[in-house]
Amino acid sequence: MDYKNAGVDIEAGYKAVELMKKHVESTMRPEVLGGIGGFSGGFSLAKIKEMEDPVLLSGTDGCGTKVKLAIVMDKHDTIGIDAVAMCVNDIACAGGEPLFFLDYIACGKNYPEKIADIVKGVAEGCRQSNAALIGGETAEHPGLMPEEDYDLAGFAVGVCDRKEMITGETLKAGDVLIGMASSGVHSNGFSLVRKVFDKELTKEGLDTYYDELGTTLGEALLAPTKIYVKALRSIKEAGVTVKACSHITGGGFYENVPRMLKDGVKAVVKKDSYPVPPIFRLLAEKGQIEEHMMYNTFNMGLGMIIAVDPADAEKAKAAIESAGETAYVVGSVENGEKGVEVC
């Protein structure tokens, strides 16, 4: 009896590491210390000394049951972008610059090429956010997970000067809300998505082309989560102060928008101020999901919402678009009980 007979293939693990090395190396920053394969990832904090009052920010998350779609479609090279996005967007939302990321892959069986494909996506997410991929873990769980299954999660660490943190403390009535377009469902609400499309969750069903989507169902649902780090950096470089920021994830508008507000103000979002992507209309119609529940579950086409002074609205919008994202003025801040109105 040996470890391989028990279900854990150490040699496959070595091969997976070799296959992923080129992807990991493509994310390196000058601050990264040491090479790939150490017991821990090192990252120099020398540059942080230049800040008046440096604050470390961290975020951890996974991709939820969206992973199941990647497994059914046997397409694993973008799900890693989702894992990175869910973490670095939260850091950027607080005003921080992501520094590095570590991933954790749990699988029923280590298929080296599949693991390397997953890490390829993780590396792409890191490049999009300028975060270094300085470590990770791939764990085989025979007997705990089916051989074809895996789960992906990770965490990121970032930094900002305390004076540049986005806190919502200076919000006032009249401030403008600007939304950044999402790529679709992103990485939240997939338990409901899979319930709605239960009969379509086969390779054939997901490969079906939908005229209203302009693509296959699988491609629309698997579209990777947008990473907004560059857009928020562009706003900062344009000299605009972001007063508050909300990453629209699980819980949609009703859970996430209030998190960026201080007591005594509310956010008013106009539904007709931007186009809702067709995947959400299809979900609502097929699943007979009422409108409030849609806005309470999904991002409905806006992955990030910021609040700025009205005098800065056009400059902020232009900065977002110069970073390659699409922006809309979607509402305003008003006096009232802390919360959000979607009208």
Protein backbone atom coordinates (compact mmCIF):
# COMPACT_ATOMS: atom_id res chain seq x y z
CA MET A 1 0.00 0.00 0.00
CA ASP A 2 1.20 3.49 -0.78
CA TYR A 3 -0.20 7.04 -0.99
CA LYS A 4 -1.13 6.64 -4.68
CA ASN A 5 -3.16 3.51 -3.90
CA ALA A 6 -4.92 5.54 -1.21
CA GLY A 7 -6.00 8.01 -3.89
CA VAL A 8 -3.36 10.77 -3.70
CA ASP A 9 -0.95 10.98 -6.63
CA ILE A 10 2.15 12.93 -5.55
CA GLU A 11 3.69 12.67 -9.02
CA ALA A 12 0.60 14.27 -10.54
CA GLY A 13 1.04 17.10 -8.05
CA TYR A 14 4.63 17.64 -9.19
CA LYS A 15 3.51 17.69 -12.83
CA ALA A 16 0.75 20.21 -12.08
CA VAL A 17 3.30 22.54 -10.46
CA GLU A 18 5.56 22.31 -13.49
CA LEU A 19 2.69 23.05 -15.86
CA MET A 20 1.51 26.09 -13.88
CA LYS A 21 4.93 27.70 -13.37
CA LYS A 22 4.83 29.84 -16.51
CA HIS A 23 1.44 31.23 -15.51
CA VAL A 24 2.59 32.03 -11.98
CA GLU A 25 5.79 33.67 -13.20
CA SER A 26 3.78 36.01 -15.44
CA THR A 27 2.28 37.67 -12.34
CA MET A 28 5.51 38.53 -10.55
CA ARG A 29 6.10 42.01 -9.12
CA PRO A 30 9.49 43.42 -8.04
CA GLU A 31 8.47 43.02 -4.38
CA VAL A 32 8.15 39.23 -4.61
CA LEU A 33 10.94 37.44 -2.72
CA GLY A 34 12.09 33.93 -3.54
CA GLY A 35 10.84 31.61 -6.24
CA ILE A 36 8.00 29.18 -6.75
CA GLY A 37 7.74 26.18 -4.46
CA GLY A 38 8.76 27.59 -1.09
CA PHE A 39 6.86 26.89 2.10
CA SER A 40 5.61 30.48 2.17
CA GLY A 41 5.44 33.40 -0.24
CA GLY A 42 7.61 36.39 0.53
CA PHE A 43 6.71 39.97 -0.36
CA SER A 44 8.83 43.04 0.46
CA LEU A 45 7.05 45.89 2.25
CA ALA A 46 9.79 48.44 1.59
CA LYS A 47 7.57 50.65 -0.60
CA ILE A 48 4.88 50.78 2.07
CA LYS A 49 7.28 52.77 4.25
CA GLU A 50 6.66 55.72 1.91
CA MET A 51 3.05 55.95 3.12
CA GLU A 52 2.12 58.18 6.07
CA ASP A 53 -0.13 55.62 7.73
CA PRO A 54 -0.20 52.34 5.78
CA VAL A 55 -3.19 50.06 6.27
CA LEU A 56 -3.26 46.43 5.13
CA LEU A 57 -6.51 45.27 3.54
CA SER A 58 -7.47 41.65 2.88
CA GLY A 59 -10.21 39.75 1.12
CA THR A 60 -11.05 36.08 0.82
CA ASP A 61 -13.68 34.36 -1.30
CA GLY A 62 -14.42 31.60 -3.78
CA CYS A 63 -16.49 31.16 -6.92
CA GLY A 64 -19.45 29.41 -5.33
CA THR A 65 -21.33 26.86 -7.39
CA LYS A 66 -20.30 28.57 -10.63
CA VAL A 67 -17.51 26.00 -10.52
CA LYS A 68 -20.11 23.34 -11.37
CA LEU A 69 -20.71 24.96 -14.76
CA ALA A 70 -16.98 24.94 -15.51
CA ILE A 71 -16.92 21.23 -14.66
CA VAL A 72 -19.93 20.42 -16.88
CA MET A 73 -18.50 22.45 -19.77
CA ASP A 74 -15.00 21.09 -19.14
CA LYS A 75 -13.71 24.66 -19.44
CA HIS A 76 -11.42 25.63 -16.58
CA ASP A 77 -9.26 28.52 -17.81
CA THR A 78 -11.49 31.42 -16.69
CA ILE A 79 -12.91 30.33 -13.33
CA GLY A 80 -9.66 31.48 -11.71
CA ILE A 81 -10.37 35.03 -12.85
CA ASP A 82 -13.56 34.87 -10.80
CA ALA A 83 -11.70 33.77 -7.67
CA VAL A 84 -9.24 36.65 -7.95
CA ALA A 85 -11.94 39.19 -8.85
CA MET A 86 -14.05 38.42 -5.81
CA CYS A 87 -11.10 39.20 -3.53
CA VAL A 88 -9.31 42.10 -5.24
CA ASN A 89 -12.54 43.98 -6.00
CA ASP A 90 -13.30 44.05 -2.29
CA ILE A 91 -9.84 45.46 -1.57
CA ALA A 92 -10.13 48.08 -4.32
CA CYS A 93 -13.60 48.94 -2.99
CA ALA A 94 -11.94 50.13 0.24
CA GLY A 95 -9.38 52.22 -1.63
CA GLY A 96 -6.59 49.68 -1.60
CA GLU A 97 -4.08 48.40 -4.13
CA PRO A 98 -3.97 44.59 -4.27
CA LEU A 99 -0.43 43.31 -3.68
CA PHE A 100 -0.59 39.54 -3.83
CA PHE A 101 -2.95 36.57 -4.06
CA LEU A 102 -2.87 32.93 -2.95
CA ASP A 103 -5.21 30.23 -4.25
CA TYR A 104 -6.55 26.98 -2.81
CA ILE A 105 -7.81 24.20 -5.05
CA ALA A 106 -9.49 21.15 -3.52
CA CYS A 107 -10.11 18.31 -5.96
CA GLY A 108 -11.28 14.73 -5.99
CA LYS A 109 -8.36 13.77 -8.24
CA ASN A 110 -5.39 15.79 -9.42
CA TYR A 111 -5.48 16.01 -13.21
CA PRO A 112 -2.35 18.12 -13.86
CA GLU A 113 -3.57 19.71 -17.10
CA LYS A 114 -6.87 20.70 -15.50
CA ILE A 115 -5.14 22.18 -12.44
CA ALA A 116 -2.78 24.12 -14.69
CA ASP A 117 -5.76 25.48 -16.63
CA ILE A 118 -7.39 26.65 -13.40
CA VAL A 119 -4.18 28.37 -12.33
CA LYS A 120 -3.89 29.93 -15.79
CA GLY A 121 -7.15 31.75 -15.03
CA VAL A 122 -5.93 32.72 -11.56
CA ALA A 123 -2.80 34.19 -13.11
CA GLU A 124 -4.87 36.14 -15.64
CA GLY A 125 -6.92 37.63 -12.81
CA CYS A 126 -3.72 38.57 -11.02
CA ARG A 127 -2.34 40.27 -14.12
CA GLN A 128 -5.58 42.22 -14.57
CA SER A 129 -5.30 43.51 -11.00
CA ASN A 130 -1.48 43.78 -10.90
CA ALA A 131 -1.35 41.36 -7.97
CA ALA A 132 1.40 38.78 -7.68
CA LEU A 133 0.44 35.12 -7.36
CA ILE A 134 2.92 34.19 -4.63
CA GLY A 135 1.59 30.83 -3.50
CA GLY A 136 -1.20 28.32 -3.38
CA GLU A 137 -2.23 24.80 -2.54
CA THR A 138 -3.74 21.94 -4.50
CA ALA A 139 -5.25 19.29 -2.24
CA GLU A 140 -6.53 15.91 -3.41
CA HIS A 141 -9.53 14.67 -1.41
CA PRO A 142 -10.26 11.10 -2.52
CA GLY A 143 -13.40 9.79 -0.91
CA LEU A 144 -14.54 13.28 0.03
CA MET A 145 -15.16 14.62 -3.48
CA PRO A 146 -15.97 12.89 -6.78
CA GLU A 147 -12.87 12.58 -8.97
CA GLU A 148 -14.06 15.14 -11.55
CA ASP A 149 -15.07 17.76 -8.98
CA TYR A 150 -13.03 20.59 -7.52
CA ASP A 151 -13.52 23.80 -5.58
CA LEU A 152 -11.51 26.99 -5.88
CA ALA A 153 -10.98 29.76 -3.34
CA GLY A 154 -8.28 32.21 -2.40
CA PHE A 155 -7.35 35.39 -0.64
CA ALA A 156 -5.64 38.66 -1.46
CA VAL A 157 -3.76 41.24 0.55
CA GLY A 158 -3.58 44.91 -0.39
CA VAL A 159 -2.53 48.23 1.07
CA CYS A 160 -3.54 51.88 1.14
CA ASP A 161 -2.65 55.00 3.04
CA ARG A 162 -5.28 55.53 5.75
CA LYS A 163 -6.07 59.01 4.40
CA GLU A 164 -7.04 57.41 1.06
CA MET A 165 -9.39 54.76 2.45
CA ILE A 166 -12.91 54.85 1.02
CA THR A 167 -15.19 54.97 4.06
CA GLY A 168 -18.41 56.82 3.13
CA GLU A 169 -17.91 59.28 5.97
CA THR A 170 -18.09 62.36 3.70
CA LEU A 171 -21.23 61.31 1.81
CA LYS A 172 -23.94 63.94 1.50
CA ALA A 173 -27.26 64.44 -0.25
CA GLY A 174 -26.71 65.31 -3.90
CA ASP A 175 -23.69 63.09 -4.42
CA VAL A 176 -23.85 61.16 -7.70
CA LEU A 177 -23.89 57.36 -8.03
CA ILE A 178 -21.93 55.90 -10.93
CA GLY A 179 -22.25 52.24 -11.85
CA MET A 180 -19.67 50.13 -13.66
CA ALA A 181 -21.07 47.53 -16.05
CA SER A 182 -20.76 43.87 -15.12
CA SER A 183 -19.97 41.07 -17.55
CA GLY A 184 -23.10 39.18 -16.51
CA VAL A 185 -23.93 37.12 -13.43
CA HIS A 186 -20.32 37.27 -12.13
CA SER A 187 -19.89 34.75 -9.27
CA ASN A 188 -23.01 35.10 -7.13
CA GLY A 189 -26.48 33.61 -7.20
CA PHE A 190 -25.46 30.45 -9.03
CA SER A 191 -27.44 28.16 -6.77
CA LEU A 192 -30.54 29.95 -8.07
CA VAL A 193 -29.14 30.04 -11.62
CA ARG A 194 -28.61 26.28 -11.57
CA LYS A 195 -32.12 25.75 -10.20
CA VAL A 196 -33.61 27.85 -13.01
CA PHE A 197 -31.57 26.11 -15.72
CA ASP A 198 -31.64 22.69 -14.12
CA LYS A 199 -32.64 20.90 -17.34
CA GLU A 200 -30.01 22.76 -19.37
CA LEU A 201 -27.08 21.84 -17.10
CA THR A 202 -25.57 19.38 -19.54
CA LYS A 203 -22.77 19.95 -22.02
CA GLU A 204 -25.33 19.96 -24.82
CA GLY A 205 -27.70 22.29 -22.97
CA LEU A 206 -24.98 24.79 -22.09
CA ASP A 207 -23.69 24.74 -25.67
CA THR A 208 -27.12 25.81 -26.95
CA TYR A 209 -27.10 29.19 -28.71
CA TYR A 210 -29.67 31.77 -27.56
CA ASP A 211 -30.53 34.60 -29.94
CA GLU A 212 -31.43 36.94 -27.09
CA LEU A 213 -28.01 36.36 -25.47
CA GLY A 214 -26.01 36.54 -28.68
CA THR A 215 -24.00 33.56 -27.45
CA THR A 216 -24.44 30.12 -25.91
CA LEU A 217 -26.01 29.78 -22.48
CA GLY A 218 -22.79 28.37 -21.06
CA GLU A 219 -20.64 31.20 -22.39
CA ALA A 220 -23.04 33.79 -21.00
CA LEU A 221 -23.09 32.19 -17.55
CA LEU A 222 -19.38 31.39 -17.39
CA ALA A 223 -18.27 34.90 -18.43
CA PRO A 224 -15.63 35.83 -15.84
CA THR A 225 -16.25 38.43 -13.18
CA LYS A 226 -15.06 41.91 -14.07
CA ILE A 227 -12.03 43.18 -12.17
CA TYR A 228 -12.40 46.89 -11.36
CA VAL A 229 -8.96 47.58 -9.86
CA LYS A 230 -7.69 49.51 -12.89
CA ALA A 231 -10.89 51.56 -13.15
CA LEU A 232 -10.71 52.65 -9.52
CA ARG A 233 -7.01 53.44 -9.89
CA SER A 234 -7.82 55.51 -12.98
CA ILE A 235 -10.37 57.53 -11.02
CA LYS A 236 -7.78 58.22 -8.33
CA GLU A 237 -5.17 59.25 -10.92
CA ALA A 238 -7.72 61.64 -12.43
CA GLY A 239 -7.81 63.48 -9.11
CA VAL A 240 -11.34 62.41 -8.20
CA THR A 241 -12.20 61.40 -4.65
CA VAL A 242 -14.43 58.34 -4.40
CA LYS A 243 -16.57 59.00 -1.34
CA ALA A 244 -18.10 55.53 -1.11
CA CYS A 245 -17.94 52.30 -3.06
CA SER A 246 -19.95 49.09 -3.18
CA HIS A 247 -18.99 45.79 -4.84
CA ILE A 248 -22.30 44.26 -5.93
CA THR A 249 -21.95 40.60 -5.01
CA GLY A 250 -24.20 38.10 -3.20
CA GLY A 251 -27.30 39.86 -1.92
CA GLY A 252 -27.43 42.17 -4.91
CA PHE A 253 -28.35 45.82 -4.45
CA TYR A 254 -30.31 45.51 -1.23
CA GLU A 255 -27.52 43.94 0.80
CA ASN A 256 -24.45 45.58 -0.73
CA VAL A 257 -25.33 49.20 -1.49
CA PRO A 258 -26.23 50.04 2.15
CA ARG A 259 -22.79 48.81 3.22
CA MET A 260 -21.19 51.88 1.62
CA LEU A 261 -23.52 54.38 3.30
CA LYS A 262 -23.28 56.28 6.57
CA ASP A 263 -26.29 56.83 8.82
CA GLY A 264 -28.70 59.52 7.66
CA VAL A 265 -28.37 59.02 3.90
CA LYS A 266 -29.85 56.61 1.39
CA ALA A 267 -28.96 55.62 -2.15
CA VAL A 268 -31.55 55.99 -4.89
CA VAL A 269 -30.82 53.87 -7.97
CA LYS A 270 -32.82 54.41 -11.16
CA LYS A 271 -33.52 51.11 -12.94
CA ASP A 272 -33.89 52.78 -16.34
CA SER A 273 -30.52 54.57 -16.13
CA TYR A 274 -28.56 51.71 -17.67
CA PRO A 275 -29.22 48.59 -19.79
CA VAL A 276 -29.84 45.34 -17.91
CA PRO A 277 -28.01 42.50 -19.71
CA PRO A 278 -30.29 39.95 -21.40
CA ILE A 279 -29.09 37.05 -19.21
CA PHE A 280 -30.99 38.60 -16.28
CA ARG A 281 -34.20 38.97 -18.29
CA LEU A 282 -33.90 35.33 -19.34
CA LEU A 283 -33.35 34.26 -15.73
CA ALA A 284 -36.35 36.24 -14.50
CA GLU A 285 -38.68 34.96 -17.21
CA LYS A 286 -37.65 31.31 -17.14
CA GLY A 287 -37.47 31.14 -13.34
CA GLN A 288 -40.53 33.34 -12.76
CA ILE A 289 -38.44 35.41 -10.35
CA GLU A 290 -40.08 38.62 -9.25
CA GLU A 291 -38.18 41.87 -9.73
CA HIS A 292 -37.33 42.62 -6.10
CA MET A 293 -35.79 39.17 -5.71
CA MET A 294 -33.69 39.72 -8.85
CA TYR A 295 -32.23 42.93 -7.38
CA ASN A 296 -31.83 41.17 -4.04
CA THR A 297 -29.81 38.31 -5.56
CA PHE A 298 -27.92 39.47 -8.66
CA ASN A 299 -25.84 42.45 -9.76
CA MET A 300 -28.35 43.15 -12.56
CA GLY A 301 -25.61 44.55 -14.80
CA LEU A 302 -23.68 46.70 -12.34
CA GLY A 303 -20.67 45.12 -10.68
CA MET A 304 -19.49 48.19 -8.80
CA ILE A 305 -21.21 51.40 -7.69
CA ILE A 306 -19.35 54.49 -6.50
CA ALA A 307 -20.44 57.83 -5.06
CA VAL A 308 -18.70 61.07 -6.04
CA ASP A 309 -19.29 64.80 -5.74
CA PRO A 310 -21.58 65.97 -8.58
CA ALA A 311 -18.80 68.26 -9.84
CA ASP A 312 -16.60 65.19 -10.36
CA ALA A 313 -19.19 62.93 -11.99
CA GLU A 314 -18.17 63.42 -15.63
CA LYS A 315 -14.47 63.24 -14.83
CA ALA A 316 -14.99 59.99 -12.88
CA LYS A 317 -17.07 58.51 -15.68
CA ALA A 318 -14.38 59.41 -18.24
CA ALA A 319 -11.68 57.87 -16.04
CA ILE A 320 -13.59 54.61 -15.77
CA GLU A 321 -14.07 54.46 -19.52
CA SER A 322 -10.39 55.25 -20.14
CA ALA A 323 -9.62 52.09 -18.12
CA GLY A 324 -11.74 50.06 -20.53
CA GLU A 325 -14.91 49.77 -18.48
CA THR A 326 -18.42 51.05 -19.21
CA ALA A 327 -19.91 53.56 -16.77
CA TYR A 328 -23.38 54.98 -16.18
CA VAL A 329 -24.76 57.69 -13.90
CA VAL A 330 -27.33 55.54 -12.10
CA GLY A 331 -28.69 57.62 -9.25
CA SER A 332 -27.91 59.82 -6.30
CA VAL A 333 -27.47 60.05 -2.54
CA GLU A 334 -30.37 61.57 -0.61
CA ASN A 335 -31.14 62.34 3.00
CA GLY A 336 -33.13 59.59 4.71
CA GLU A 337 -32.91 56.32 6.54
CA LYS A 338 -29.81 54.36 5.60
CA GLY A 339 -30.72 51.96 2.79
CA VAL A 340 -31.29 51.75 -0.94
CA GLU A 341 -34.28 52.49 -3.14
CA VAL A 342 -34.36 50.88 -6.58
CA CYS A 343 -37.00 52.70 -8.56
